[in-house]
Protein backbone atom coordinates (compact mmCIF):
# COMPACT_ATOMS: atom_id res chain seq x y z
CA PHE A 1 -11.08 31.42 24.99
CA PRO A 2 -9.90 28.19 26.45
CA SER A 3 -7.35 25.88 24.68
CA HIS A 4 -8.21 22.76 23.05
CA ASP A 5 -5.94 20.30 22.32
CA ILE A 6 -6.34 18.59 18.35
CA ALA A 7 -5.53 15.38 18.13
CA PHE A 8 -4.65 13.99 14.31
CA PRO A 9 -4.15 10.23 13.35
CA CYS A 10 -0.96 9.37 12.05
CA ARG A 11 -0.94 8.10 8.57
CA ASP A 12 -0.31 4.73 8.77
CA ASP A 13 2.31 4.06 5.71
CA GLY A 14 1.89 0.70 6.17
CA ALA A 15 5.62 0.39 8.19
CA SER A 16 4.45 -1.40 11.31
CA MET A 17 3.84 -4.90 12.59
CA SER A 18 1.16 -4.54 15.43
CA GLY A 19 -2.28 -4.34 13.45
CA MET A 20 -3.98 -7.54 11.93
CA ASP A 21 -4.44 -6.32 8.86
CA GLU A 22 -0.67 -5.37 7.01
CA LEU A 23 0.66 -4.97 3.88
CA ILE A 24 4.39 -5.37 2.91
CA ILE A 25 6.22 -4.06 -0.37
CA ASN A 26 9.18 -6.61 -1.58
CA PRO A 27 10.73 -5.03 -2.78
CA ASN A 28 11.44 -1.57 -2.34
CA ILE A 29 13.70 -0.80 -4.47
CA VAL A 30 12.16 -2.56 -7.79
CA SER A 31 13.01 -2.37 -11.93
CA GLU A 32 10.61 -4.87 -13.10
CA ASN A 33 8.03 -7.13 -9.81
CA LEU A 34 7.03 -5.28 -7.18
CA GLN A 35 5.19 -7.71 -5.00
CA LEU A 36 2.54 -6.48 -2.02
CA GLN A 37 2.00 -9.24 0.99
CA PHE A 38 -0.75 -8.86 2.81
CA HIS A 39 -1.91 -10.39 5.97
CA SER A 40 -5.66 -9.92 6.79
CA SER A 41 -7.70 -10.50 9.11
CA SER A 42 -10.47 -11.88 6.70
CA ASP A 43 -11.15 -13.20 3.42
CA SER A 44 -11.39 -9.34 1.43
CA GLN A 45 -11.90 -7.53 -1.15
CA VAL A 46 -8.56 -5.11 -1.90
CA ARG A 47 -8.36 -1.72 -3.83
CA ILE A 48 -4.58 -1.02 -5.12
CA VAL A 49 -3.47 2.44 -6.77
CA LEU A 50 -0.14 3.24 -7.35
CA TYR A 51 1.09 7.09 -7.64
CA ASP A 52 3.51 8.31 -9.27
CA ILE A 53 5.32 11.65 -7.07
CA ARG A 54 3.12 14.49 -8.04
CA GLY A 55 0.22 11.83 -6.96
CA LYS A 56 -0.96 10.63 -10.17
CA THR A 57 -2.31 7.22 -10.52
CA VAL A 58 -0.58 5.39 -12.49
CA SER A 59 -2.05 1.04 -12.12
CA LYS A 60 -5.24 0.31 -10.36
CA PHE A 61 -6.35 -3.29 -9.51
CA ASN A 62 -9.38 -4.34 -8.00
CA GLY A 63 -9.31 -8.11 -6.46
CA GLU A 64 -9.32 -10.42 -3.08
CA VAL A 65 -7.31 -10.93 -0.12
CA SER A 66 -7.65 -14.59 1.90
CA ILE A 67 -7.96 -14.60 5.24
CA GLY A 68 -3.90 -14.89 5.92
CA GLU A 69 -1.22 -14.43 3.71
CA SER A 70 -1.65 -13.28 0.32
CA GLN A 71 0.76 -11.90 -2.74
CA ILE A 72 -0.12 -10.02 -5.41
CA GLY A 73 2.42 -8.68 -8.22
CA PHE A 74 2.63 -6.20 -10.08
CA ASP A 75 4.51 -5.45 -13.41
CA VAL A 76 6.59 -2.16 -13.04
CA SER A 77 9.46 -2.82 -15.62
CA SER A 78 7.30 0.31 -18.00
CA LEU A 79 6.79 3.06 -15.38
CA PRO A 80 10.24 5.36 -15.48
CA GLN A 81 12.30 5.48 -12.95
CA GLY A 82 11.34 8.08 -9.38
CA VAL A 83 9.53 7.10 -6.23
CA TYR A 84 5.89 5.54 -6.75
CA SER A 85 3.59 5.42 -3.78
CA VAL A 86 0.94 2.53 -2.99
CA GLN A 87 -2.38 2.33 -1.45
CA ALA A 88 -3.47 -0.73 -0.94
CA GLU A 89 -7.82 -0.77 0.68
CA PHE A 90 -9.03 -3.59 2.77
CA ASN A 91 -10.79 -4.75 5.31
CA GLY A 92 -12.21 -0.87 5.84
CA VAL A 93 -8.36 0.01 6.59
CA VAL A 94 -6.48 2.08 3.79
CA LYS A 95 -3.07 0.73 3.84
CA SER A 96 0.47 3.11 1.88
CA ALA A 97 3.51 2.58 1.51
CA ARG A 98 6.50 4.23 -1.04
CA PHE A 99 8.74 1.78 -3.43
CA VAL A 100 12.08 3.32 -5.83
CA LYS A 101 11.66 2.32 -9.74
CA GLN A 102 15.06 1.68 -10.83
């Protein structure tokens, strides 16, 4: 049998700044207020889901981002300490990143 190379796209973790649609988490280590910053190439609906380390959904948000820079804040003060991931879907792309709750 001939061998075939199979390519899998890498998951975009939001760390690169090469694309037009970007998600930035600030700060990465947070105790109370998490800020999500978006750079969007167009006005778009956004769906944001926060997951705990086991993949359980701990918070959801649906809203809008405008073309250019937008910011959405989350109060995470009631979450237990640990590592969390945030996934944002906007403009047909999914961006994800992690943060630590102190």
